[in-house]
Every structure is written in C-alpha cells, then in structure tokens.
C-alpha cells in the first residue's frame, strides 16, 4: 500500500501542543511525523541511530532532544 499523498496537519492544534519547542525540535518532530505517515503502520524504528538519520542530526544532537520529541509518541516494546 502506498502512503497517502498528503499529511493532514491542523495548524492550530499543532501549535497548541508544541509552542514550547525550539525551531530545531519543531523541524525534527515534523520530519518524524512525515516519516511515520509514510509507513503502513504509522510507526517509527525504535533505534536512535535511525531516528537521528531521519531527522538529519548527529546522534549526540538527537539524544539531546529525544526525550522532548518522544513525549509526543507512544513507545512500544
């Protein structure tokens, strides 16, 4: 199954939940949302190296913002 052509994003809802984030964290979070949207199960890998690559950050920088971003996700396993 191919991913839907668009990701529905409700700006006012997004901003209500994320105004405390820095610009860099916003970018990483949005890249993860888009990556998850493209998966059949809307999931992400449970691997920090892969997540760092998805968001285009060094592993060190990813780890610095990881907990803030993962507050928006349900981690399974």
N, C-alpha and C. Protein backbone atom coordinates (compact mmCIF):
# COMPACT_ATOMS: atom_id res chain seq x y z
N UNK A 1 0.84 -1.17 0.00
CA UNK A 1 0.00 0.00 0.00
C UNK A 1 0.89 1.25 0.00
N UNK A 2 0.60 2.18 -0.85
CA UNK A 2 1.41 3.40 -0.88
C UNK A 2 0.87 4.41 0.12
N UNK A 3 1.75 5.30 0.55
CA UNK A 3 1.39 6.31 1.53
C UNK A 3 0.40 7.30 0.92
N UNK A 4 -0.48 7.85 1.75
CA UNK A 4 -1.39 8.89 1.25
C UNK A 4 -0.59 10.06 0.69
N UNK A 5 -1.19 10.77 -0.22
CA UNK A 5 -0.50 11.87 -0.90
C UNK A 5 -0.27 13.08 -0.01
N UNK A 6 -0.96 13.16 1.10
CA UNK A 6 -0.80 14.34 1.95
C UNK A 6 -0.89 13.93 3.42
N UNK A 7 -0.32 14.76 4.26
CA UNK A 7 -0.38 14.57 5.71
C UNK A 7 -1.30 15.65 6.26
N UNK A 8 -2.46 15.28 6.80
CA UNK A 8 -3.33 16.32 7.35
C UNK A 8 -2.66 16.96 8.57
N UNK A 9 -2.55 18.25 8.56
CA UNK A 9 -1.93 18.97 9.67
C UNK A 9 -2.84 20.14 10.04
N UNK A 10 -3.35 20.10 11.25
CA UNK A 10 -4.21 21.16 11.74
C UNK A 10 -3.34 22.13 12.53
N UNK A 11 -3.03 23.24 11.90
CA UNK A 11 -2.05 24.19 12.44
C UNK A 11 -2.34 24.65 13.85
N UNK A 12 -3.59 24.99 14.14
CA UNK A 12 -3.90 25.50 15.48
C UNK A 12 -3.71 24.41 16.53
N UNK A 13 -4.07 23.17 16.22
CA UNK A 13 -3.87 22.06 17.16
C UNK A 13 -2.38 21.77 17.34
N UNK A 14 -1.65 21.76 16.24
CA UNK A 14 -0.21 21.52 16.32
C UNK A 14 0.45 22.56 17.21
N UNK A 15 0.16 23.84 16.96
CA UNK A 15 0.80 24.90 17.73
C UNK A 15 0.37 24.89 19.19
N UNK A 16 -0.87 24.51 19.46
CA UNK A 16 -1.34 24.46 20.85
C UNK A 16 -0.51 23.47 21.67
N UNK A 17 -0.03 22.41 21.01
CA UNK A 17 0.74 21.38 21.72
C UNK A 17 2.25 21.59 21.66
N UNK A 18 2.73 22.45 20.77
CA UNK A 18 4.17 22.48 20.50
C UNK A 18 4.83 23.86 20.62
N UNK A 19 4.14 24.86 21.07
CA UNK A 19 4.74 26.20 21.11
C UNK A 19 5.98 26.27 22.00
N UNK A 20 6.14 25.35 22.90
CA UNK A 20 7.31 25.35 23.79
C UNK A 20 8.56 24.80 23.11
N UNK A 21 8.42 24.24 21.92
CA UNK A 21 9.57 23.63 21.24
C UNK A 21 10.43 24.68 20.54
N UNK A 22 11.71 24.41 20.46
CA UNK A 22 12.60 25.27 19.68
C UNK A 22 12.36 25.01 18.19
N UNK A 23 12.85 25.88 17.37
CA UNK A 23 12.70 25.71 15.93
C UNK A 23 13.33 24.40 15.46
N UNK A 24 14.49 24.06 16.00
CA UNK A 24 15.17 22.83 15.61
C UNK A 24 14.36 21.60 16.01
N UNK A 25 13.76 21.62 17.19
CA UNK A 25 12.95 20.50 17.64
C UNK A 25 11.67 20.40 16.80
N UNK A 26 11.07 21.53 16.45
CA UNK A 26 9.91 21.51 15.54
C UNK A 26 10.27 20.79 14.25
N UNK A 27 11.39 21.14 13.68
CA UNK A 27 11.81 20.52 12.42
C UNK A 27 11.98 19.02 12.55
N UNK A 28 12.64 18.59 13.62
CA UNK A 28 12.85 17.16 13.84
C UNK A 28 11.52 16.45 14.04
N UNK A 29 10.63 17.04 14.81
CA UNK A 29 9.33 16.43 15.08
C UNK A 29 8.52 16.30 13.79
N UNK A 30 8.51 17.34 12.99
CA UNK A 30 7.77 17.28 11.72
C UNK A 30 8.36 16.24 10.77
N UNK A 31 9.68 16.13 10.71
CA UNK A 31 10.29 15.10 9.87
C UNK A 31 9.92 13.70 10.34
N UNK A 32 9.83 13.49 11.64
CA UNK A 32 9.40 12.20 12.16
C UNK A 32 7.94 11.93 11.84
N UNK A 33 7.10 12.96 11.95
CA UNK A 33 5.68 12.76 11.61
C UNK A 33 5.54 12.36 10.15
N UNK A 34 6.28 13.01 9.28
CA UNK A 34 6.20 12.69 7.85
C UNK A 34 6.73 11.29 7.59
N UNK A 35 7.83 10.93 8.23
CA UNK A 35 8.39 9.58 8.06
C UNK A 35 7.40 8.52 8.53
N UNK A 36 6.77 8.76 9.68
CA UNK A 36 5.79 7.80 10.20
C UNK A 36 4.58 7.70 9.28
N UNK A 37 4.14 8.82 8.76
CA UNK A 37 2.97 8.86 7.88
C UNK A 37 3.18 8.00 6.64
N UNK A 38 4.41 7.87 6.21
CA UNK A 38 4.71 7.10 5.00
C UNK A 38 4.74 5.59 5.26
N UNK A 39 4.67 5.18 6.52
CA UNK A 39 4.69 3.76 6.87
C UNK A 39 3.26 3.23 6.98
N UNK A 40 3.06 1.99 6.59
CA UNK A 40 1.73 1.39 6.68
C UNK A 40 1.18 1.41 8.09
N UNK A 41 2.05 1.22 9.09
CA UNK A 41 1.60 1.19 10.49
C UNK A 41 1.77 2.53 11.19
N UNK A 42 2.19 3.55 10.46
CA UNK A 42 2.46 4.88 11.01
C UNK A 42 3.47 4.82 12.16
N UNK A 43 4.36 3.85 12.11
CA UNK A 43 5.35 3.69 13.15
C UNK A 43 6.73 4.18 12.75
N UNK A 44 7.59 4.25 13.73
CA UNK A 44 8.98 4.63 13.53
C UNK A 44 9.87 3.54 14.11
N UNK A 45 11.11 3.46 13.66
CA UNK A 45 12.01 2.47 14.24
C UNK A 45 12.34 2.83 15.69
N UNK A 46 12.55 1.82 16.50
CA UNK A 46 12.94 2.04 17.89
C UNK A 46 14.47 1.93 17.96
N UNK A 47 15.12 2.84 17.24
CA UNK A 47 16.57 2.81 17.09
C UNK A 47 17.05 4.25 16.98
N UNK A 48 17.79 4.71 17.97
CA UNK A 48 18.19 6.12 18.00
C UNK A 48 19.08 6.51 16.83
N UNK A 49 19.92 5.61 16.34
CA UNK A 49 20.76 5.95 15.19
C UNK A 49 19.89 6.19 13.94
N UNK A 50 18.89 5.33 13.74
CA UNK A 50 18.00 5.51 12.60
C UNK A 50 17.16 6.78 12.74
N UNK A 51 16.68 7.04 13.93
CA UNK A 51 15.89 8.25 14.15
C UNK A 51 16.73 9.50 13.91
N UNK A 52 17.98 9.48 14.35
CA UNK A 52 18.87 10.61 14.11
C UNK A 52 19.06 10.85 12.62
N UNK A 53 19.19 9.76 11.86
CA UNK A 53 19.34 9.89 10.40
C UNK A 53 18.07 10.45 9.77
N UNK A 54 16.90 10.01 10.23
CA UNK A 54 15.64 10.50 9.68
C UNK A 54 15.54 12.01 9.85
N UNK A 55 15.94 12.52 11.00
CA UNK A 55 15.81 13.96 11.26
C UNK A 55 17.03 14.75 10.83
N UNK A 56 18.07 14.06 10.34
CA UNK A 56 19.24 14.76 9.82
C UNK A 56 20.13 15.38 10.88
N UNK A 57 20.18 14.72 12.05
CA UNK A 57 21.00 15.24 13.14
C UNK A 57 22.07 14.22 13.52
N UNK A 58 23.11 14.70 14.17
CA UNK A 58 24.11 13.78 14.72
C UNK A 58 23.44 13.00 15.85
N UNK A 59 23.94 11.81 16.14
CA UNK A 59 23.37 11.06 17.28
C UNK A 59 23.40 11.86 18.59
N UNK A 60 24.46 12.62 18.79
CA UNK A 60 24.57 13.42 20.01
C UNK A 60 23.47 14.48 20.09
N UNK A 61 23.23 15.18 18.98
CA UNK A 61 22.20 16.22 18.96
C UNK A 61 20.81 15.59 19.09
N UNK A 62 20.59 14.44 18.42
CA UNK A 62 19.32 13.74 18.53
C UNK A 62 19.06 13.38 20.00
N UNK A 63 20.06 12.84 20.68
CA UNK A 63 19.87 12.42 22.07
C UNK A 63 19.54 13.60 22.98
N UNK A 64 20.02 14.78 22.62
CA UNK A 64 19.74 15.97 23.43
C UNK A 64 18.26 16.37 23.35
N UNK A 65 17.59 16.06 22.24
CA UNK A 65 16.18 16.45 22.09
C UNK A 65 15.23 15.25 22.11
N UNK A 66 15.77 14.07 22.14
CA UNK A 66 15.00 12.83 22.05
C UNK A 66 13.82 12.77 23.02
N UNK A 67 14.07 12.99 24.30
CA UNK A 67 13.01 12.87 25.29
C UNK A 67 11.89 13.88 25.06
N UNK A 68 12.25 15.09 24.65
CA UNK A 68 11.24 16.11 24.37
C UNK A 68 10.34 15.67 23.23
N UNK A 69 10.92 15.14 22.16
CA UNK A 69 10.14 14.72 21.00
C UNK A 69 9.33 13.46 21.30
N UNK A 70 9.93 12.53 21.99
CA UNK A 70 9.23 11.26 22.23
C UNK A 70 8.07 11.40 23.20
N UNK A 71 7.92 12.55 23.86
CA UNK A 71 6.72 12.80 24.66
C UNK A 71 5.47 12.78 23.78
N UNK A 72 5.63 13.04 22.49
CA UNK A 72 4.50 13.08 21.57
C UNK A 72 4.18 11.70 20.96
N UNK A 73 4.97 10.69 21.27
CA UNK A 73 4.82 9.37 20.69
C UNK A 73 4.56 8.33 21.76
N UNK A 74 3.96 7.23 21.35
CA UNK A 74 3.81 6.07 22.22
C UNK A 74 4.89 5.08 21.85
N UNK A 75 5.74 4.75 22.79
CA UNK A 75 6.83 3.82 22.54
C UNK A 75 6.36 2.42 22.94
N UNK A 76 6.44 1.50 22.00
CA UNK A 76 6.06 0.10 22.26
C UNK A 76 7.30 -0.76 22.28
N UNK A 77 7.32 -1.72 23.19
CA UNK A 77 8.44 -2.65 23.25
C UNK A 77 9.57 -2.18 24.12
